[in-house]
Amino acid sequence: MFLESAFKDSLKIEKNETEDDEESIRLEDWDWYKEITASMTPGDAIKADRGLRGWTQKVLAKKLKISVQNLSEIERNIRPISREMASKLGKVFGTSPSTYFKE
């Protein structure tokens, strides 16, 4: 889940231990979460993950072993993200590659 992984240091998500609590709503069920994730492109997700870590494009490009120009094009959704790149992004950010790869 993108928001949980992206904001793990600043977003506290409490797990409800009881199933019968009618007031408990899963994060994925909130309308604002659905709207944000539905409208977020893979490039937006990369920019968000990079920004949360305070990394420049240069820093992330070095970690991914690609040029800054390629990263810029990925973030602007000009260059598509391959499965291999999605896997690299998942490893670098500690998230699921599916966050960045849309078929």
N, C-alpha and C. Protein backbone atom coordinates (compact mmCIF):
# COMPACT_ATOMS: atom_id res chain seq x y z
N MET A 1 0.85 -1.16 0.00
CA MET A 1 0.00 0.00 0.00
C MET A 1 0.90 1.23 0.00
N PHE A 2 0.70 2.09 -0.99
CA PHE A 2 1.62 3.21 -1.22
C PHE A 2 1.71 4.16 -0.03
N LEU A 3 0.60 4.67 0.45
CA LEU A 3 0.66 5.68 1.51
C LEU A 3 1.30 5.13 2.76
N GLU A 4 0.96 3.89 3.12
CA GLU A 4 1.54 3.30 4.32
C GLU A 4 3.05 3.16 4.17
N SER A 5 3.51 2.73 2.99
CA SER A 5 4.95 2.57 2.81
C SER A 5 5.65 3.92 2.63
N ALA A 6 4.99 4.85 1.96
CA ALA A 6 5.61 6.14 1.70
C ALA A 6 5.70 6.99 2.96
N PHE A 7 4.72 6.88 3.82
CA PHE A 7 4.67 7.74 5.00
C PHE A 7 4.91 6.97 6.29
N LYS A 8 5.64 5.84 6.21
CA LYS A 8 5.78 5.00 7.38
C LYS A 8 6.42 5.70 8.57
N ASP A 9 7.25 6.70 8.32
CA ASP A 9 7.89 7.41 9.43
C ASP A 9 7.04 8.54 9.99
N SER A 10 6.06 9.01 9.22
CA SER A 10 5.29 10.15 9.69
C SER A 10 3.80 9.85 9.85
N LEU A 11 3.35 8.68 9.40
CA LEU A 11 1.95 8.32 9.48
C LEU A 11 1.82 7.12 10.38
N LYS A 12 1.10 7.29 11.47
CA LYS A 12 0.92 6.18 12.39
C LYS A 12 -0.42 5.52 12.08
N ILE A 13 -0.36 4.28 11.69
CA ILE A 13 -1.56 3.53 11.39
C ILE A 13 -1.72 2.48 12.48
N GLU A 14 -2.78 2.64 13.25
CA GLU A 14 -3.01 1.71 14.33
C GLU A 14 -3.86 0.56 13.85
N LYS A 15 -3.45 -0.63 14.20
CA LYS A 15 -4.20 -1.83 13.84
C LYS A 15 -5.23 -2.10 14.93
N ASN A 16 -6.45 -2.32 14.52
CA ASN A 16 -7.51 -2.63 15.46
C ASN A 16 -7.52 -4.13 15.69
N GLU A 17 -7.42 -4.54 16.91
CA GLU A 17 -7.33 -5.96 17.24
C GLU A 17 -8.69 -6.64 17.24
N THR A 18 -9.77 -5.87 17.35
CA THR A 18 -11.10 -6.48 17.40
C THR A 18 -11.81 -6.30 16.08
N GLU A 19 -12.46 -7.34 15.63
CA GLU A 19 -13.18 -7.31 14.37
C GLU A 19 -14.54 -6.66 14.51
N ASP A 20 -15.08 -6.59 15.72
CA ASP A 20 -16.44 -6.12 15.91
C ASP A 20 -16.55 -4.61 16.14
N ASP A 21 -15.47 -3.88 16.02
CA ASP A 21 -15.50 -2.43 16.19
C ASP A 21 -16.07 -1.79 14.93
N GLU A 22 -17.32 -1.35 15.00
CA GLU A 22 -18.00 -0.82 13.83
C GLU A 22 -17.47 0.55 13.40
N GLU A 23 -16.75 1.24 14.27
CA GLU A 23 -16.23 2.56 13.94
C GLU A 23 -14.89 2.49 13.21
N SER A 24 -14.28 1.34 13.19
CA SER A 24 -12.98 1.18 12.56
C SER A 24 -13.14 1.07 11.04
N ILE A 25 -12.38 1.89 10.32
CA ILE A 25 -12.41 1.88 8.86
C ILE A 25 -10.98 1.70 8.36
N ARG A 26 -10.79 0.74 7.46
CA ARG A 26 -9.46 0.52 6.90
C ARG A 26 -9.04 1.74 6.07
N LEU A 27 -7.75 2.03 6.04
CA LEU A 27 -7.21 3.16 5.28
C LEU A 27 -7.66 3.10 3.83
N GLU A 28 -7.62 1.91 3.23
CA GLU A 28 -7.99 1.75 1.83
C GLU A 28 -9.45 2.07 1.54
N ASP A 29 -10.28 2.13 2.58
CA ASP A 29 -11.70 2.39 2.40
C ASP A 29 -12.06 3.88 2.47
N TRP A 30 -11.14 4.71 2.87
CA TRP A 30 -11.41 6.16 2.95
C TRP A 30 -11.47 6.74 1.54
N ASP A 31 -12.43 7.61 1.30
CA ASP A 31 -12.59 8.22 -0.02
C ASP A 31 -11.35 9.01 -0.43
N TRP A 32 -10.75 9.76 0.50
CA TRP A 32 -9.59 10.57 0.14
C TRP A 32 -8.42 9.69 -0.30
N TYR A 33 -8.28 8.52 0.33
CA TYR A 33 -7.21 7.60 -0.06
C TYR A 33 -7.46 7.07 -1.47
N LYS A 34 -8.69 6.70 -1.75
CA LYS A 34 -9.05 6.19 -3.07
C LYS A 34 -8.81 7.25 -4.15
N GLU A 35 -9.17 8.50 -3.85
CA GLU A 35 -8.97 9.58 -4.81
C GLU A 35 -7.49 9.82 -5.08
N ILE A 36 -6.70 9.85 -4.04
CA ILE A 36 -5.27 10.12 -4.20
C ILE A 36 -4.60 9.00 -4.99
N THR A 37 -4.85 7.76 -4.60
CA THR A 37 -4.18 6.66 -5.28
C THR A 37 -4.68 6.48 -6.72
N ALA A 38 -5.93 6.78 -6.97
CA ALA A 38 -6.47 6.65 -8.32
C ALA A 38 -5.87 7.68 -9.27
N SER A 39 -5.60 8.86 -8.75
CA SER A 39 -5.09 9.93 -9.61
C SER A 39 -3.56 9.98 -9.66
N MET A 40 -2.88 9.21 -8.83
CA MET A 40 -1.42 9.26 -8.77
C MET A 40 -0.81 8.39 -9.86
N THR A 41 0.06 8.98 -10.64
CA THR A 41 0.78 8.25 -11.68
C THR A 41 2.02 7.61 -11.06
N PRO A 42 2.63 6.66 -11.74
CA PRO A 42 3.90 6.10 -11.23
C PRO A 42 4.96 7.19 -11.02
N GLY A 43 5.01 8.15 -11.93
CA GLY A 43 5.97 9.25 -11.77
C GLY A 43 5.69 10.06 -10.52
N ASP A 44 4.42 10.30 -10.22
CA ASP A 44 4.04 11.02 -9.00
C ASP A 44 4.49 10.23 -7.76
N ALA A 45 4.32 8.92 -7.81
CA ALA A 45 4.71 8.07 -6.68
C ALA A 45 6.23 8.15 -6.45
N ILE A 46 6.99 8.15 -7.53
CA ILE A 46 8.45 8.25 -7.41
C ILE A 46 8.84 9.59 -6.82
N LYS A 47 8.23 10.67 -7.34
CA LYS A 47 8.53 12.00 -6.80
C LYS A 47 8.18 12.09 -5.33
N ALA A 48 7.04 11.52 -4.95
CA ALA A 48 6.62 11.56 -3.55
C ALA A 48 7.59 10.78 -2.67
N ASP A 49 7.94 9.57 -3.10
CA ASP A 49 8.88 8.76 -2.32
C ASP A 49 10.24 9.44 -2.21
N ARG A 50 10.69 10.02 -3.30
CA ARG A 50 11.99 10.71 -3.30
C ARG A 50 11.93 11.92 -2.38
N GLY A 51 10.85 12.69 -2.49
CA GLY A 51 10.70 13.89 -1.68
C GLY A 51 10.62 13.59 -0.19
N LEU A 52 9.93 12.52 0.17
CA LEU A 52 9.82 12.14 1.59
C LEU A 52 11.17 11.82 2.20
N ARG A 53 12.08 11.38 1.37
CA ARG A 53 13.42 11.04 1.86
C ARG A 53 14.40 12.19 1.73
N GLY A 54 13.96 13.28 1.12
CA GLY A 54 14.83 14.44 0.96
C GLY A 54 15.90 14.23 -0.10
N TRP A 55 15.66 13.30 -1.01
CA TRP A 55 16.63 13.00 -2.05
C TRP A 55 16.41 13.88 -3.27
N THR A 56 17.50 14.28 -3.88
CA THR A 56 17.43 14.98 -5.16
C THR A 56 17.31 13.93 -6.27
N GLN A 57 17.01 14.39 -7.47
CA GLN A 57 17.00 13.47 -8.60
C GLN A 57 18.38 12.85 -8.80
N LYS A 58 19.40 13.63 -8.55
CA LYS A 58 20.78 13.14 -8.72
C LYS A 58 21.05 11.97 -7.77
N VAL A 59 20.61 12.10 -6.53
CA VAL A 59 20.83 11.04 -5.54
C VAL A 59 20.09 9.77 -5.95
N LEU A 60 18.82 9.91 -6.30
CA LEU A 60 18.04 8.73 -6.68
C LEU A 60 18.57 8.10 -7.97
N ALA A 61 18.92 8.92 -8.95
CA ALA A 61 19.46 8.40 -10.21
C ALA A 61 20.72 7.58 -9.95
N LYS A 62 21.56 8.04 -9.06
CA LYS A 62 22.79 7.30 -8.73
C LYS A 62 22.45 5.96 -8.09
N LYS A 63 21.46 5.94 -7.19
CA LYS A 63 21.06 4.69 -6.55
C LYS A 63 20.48 3.70 -7.56
N LEU A 64 19.79 4.24 -8.58
CA LEU A 64 19.17 3.39 -9.60
C LEU A 64 20.13 3.06 -10.75
N LYS A 65 21.27 3.76 -10.75
CA LYS A 65 22.28 3.59 -11.82
C LYS A 65 21.72 3.98 -13.18
N ILE A 66 21.04 5.13 -13.20
CA ILE A 66 20.53 5.70 -14.45
C ILE A 66 20.90 7.18 -14.47
N SER A 67 20.72 7.82 -15.62
CA SER A 67 21.04 9.24 -15.71
C SER A 67 19.92 10.07 -15.07
N VAL A 68 20.27 11.27 -14.67
CA VAL A 68 19.29 12.19 -14.11
C VAL A 68 18.22 12.51 -15.16
N GLN A 69 18.64 12.62 -16.42
CA GLN A 69 17.69 12.89 -17.49
C GLN A 69 16.65 11.77 -17.60
N ASN A 70 17.10 10.51 -17.53
CA ASN A 70 16.15 9.39 -17.57
C ASN A 70 15.18 9.44 -16.39
N LEU A 71 15.70 9.71 -15.21
CA LEU A 71 14.84 9.80 -14.03
C LEU A 71 13.83 10.92 -14.18
N SER A 72 14.28 12.05 -14.67
CA SER A 72 13.37 13.18 -14.89
C SER A 72 12.24 12.79 -15.85
N GLU A 73 12.58 12.08 -16.91
CA GLU A 73 11.57 11.65 -17.87
C GLU A 73 10.61 10.62 -17.25
N ILE A 74 11.12 9.77 -16.39
CA ILE A 74 10.26 8.81 -15.69
C ILE A 74 9.30 9.55 -14.77
N GLU A 75 9.82 10.50 -14.00
CA GLU A 75 8.97 11.26 -13.06
C GLU A 75 7.92 12.10 -13.78
N ARG A 76 8.22 12.52 -15.00
CA ARG A 76 7.25 13.31 -15.77
C ARG A 76 6.36 12.42 -16.64
N ASN A 77 6.47 11.11 -16.44
CA ASN A 77 5.66 10.12 -17.16
C ASN A 77 5.89 10.15 -18.66
N ILE A 78 7.07 10.58 -19.08
CA ILE A 78 7.44 10.57 -20.49
C ILE A 78 8.05 9.21 -20.84
N ARG A 79 8.90 8.73 -19.96
CA ARG A 79 9.56 7.42 -20.16
C ARG A 79 8.81 6.38 -19.33
N PRO A 80 8.35 5.30 -19.97
CA PRO A 80 7.64 4.26 -19.20
C PRO A 80 8.57 3.53 -18.24
N ILE A 81 7.97 2.95 -17.23
CA ILE A 81 8.74 2.21 -16.23
C ILE A 81 8.65 0.72 -16.55
N SER A 82 9.80 0.11 -16.75
CA SER A 82 9.84 -1.33 -17.03
C SER A 82 9.67 -2.10 -15.73
N ARG A 83 9.42 -3.39 -15.86
CA ARG A 83 9.33 -4.24 -14.67
C ARG A 83 10.64 -4.22 -13.90
N GLU A 84 11.75 -4.23 -14.64
CA GLU A 84 13.06 -4.20 -14.00
C GLU A 84 13.26 -2.91 -13.20
N MET A 85 12.86 -1.77 -13.79
CA MET A 85 13.00 -0.50 -13.09
C MET A 85 12.05 -0.45 -11.89
N ALA A 86 10.84 -0.97 -12.04
CA ALA A 86 9.90 -1.01 -10.91
C ALA A 86 10.49 -1.83 -9.76
N SER A 87 11.16 -2.91 -10.10
CA SER A 87 11.81 -3.74 -9.09
C SER A 87 12.92 -2.96 -8.38
N LYS A 88 13.74 -2.24 -9.16
CA LYS A 88 14.81 -1.42 -8.56
C LYS A 88 14.22 -0.36 -7.64
N LEU A 89 13.16 0.30 -8.10
CA LEU A 89 12.52 1.34 -7.29
C LEU A 89 11.97 0.76 -5.99
N GLY A 90 11.35 -0.42 -6.09
CA GLY A 90 10.84 -1.08 -4.90
C GLY A 90 11.93 -1.37 -3.89
N LYS A 91 13.07 -1.82 -4.38
CA LYS A 91 14.19 -2.11 -3.48
C LYS A 91 14.76 -0.85 -2.85
N VAL A 92 14.93 0.19 -3.67
CA VAL A 92 15.50 1.45 -3.18
C VAL A 92 14.58 2.10 -2.13
N PHE A 93 13.27 2.07 -2.39
CA PHE A 93 12.32 2.73 -1.49
C PHE A 93 11.73 1.79 -0.42
N GLY A 94 11.98 0.50 -0.56
CA GLY A 94 11.40 -0.44 0.40
C GLY A 94 9.90 -0.57 0.25
N THR A 95 9.42 -0.50 -0.99
CA THR A 95 7.99 -0.61 -1.27
C THR A 95 7.76 -1.70 -2.31
N SER A 96 6.51 -1.92 -2.63
CA SER A 96 6.17 -2.91 -3.64
C SER A 96 6.45 -2.36 -5.03
N PRO A 97 7.07 -3.16 -5.91
CA PRO A 97 7.28 -2.71 -7.29
C PRO A 97 5.98 -2.35 -8.02
N SER A 98 4.88 -2.95 -7.60
CA SER A 98 3.59 -2.66 -8.26
C SER A 98 3.16 -1.21 -8.09
N THR A 99 3.74 -0.52 -7.12
CA THR A 99 3.46 0.91 -6.94
C THR A 99 3.89 1.70 -8.17
N TYR A 100 4.91 1.22 -8.85
CA TYR A 100 5.52 1.97 -9.94
C TYR A 100 5.26 1.38 -11.32
N PHE A 101 4.75 0.16 -11.37
CA PHE A 101 4.56 -0.50 -12.67
C PHE A 101 3.09 -0.69 -12.93
N LYS A 102 2.59 -0.04 -13.96
CA LYS A 102 1.19 -0.17 -14.35
C LYS A 102 1.12 -0.83 -15.71
N GLU A 103 0.36 -1.91 -15.80
CA GLU A 103 0.23 -2.60 -17.09
C GLU A 103 -0.90 -2.01 -17.88
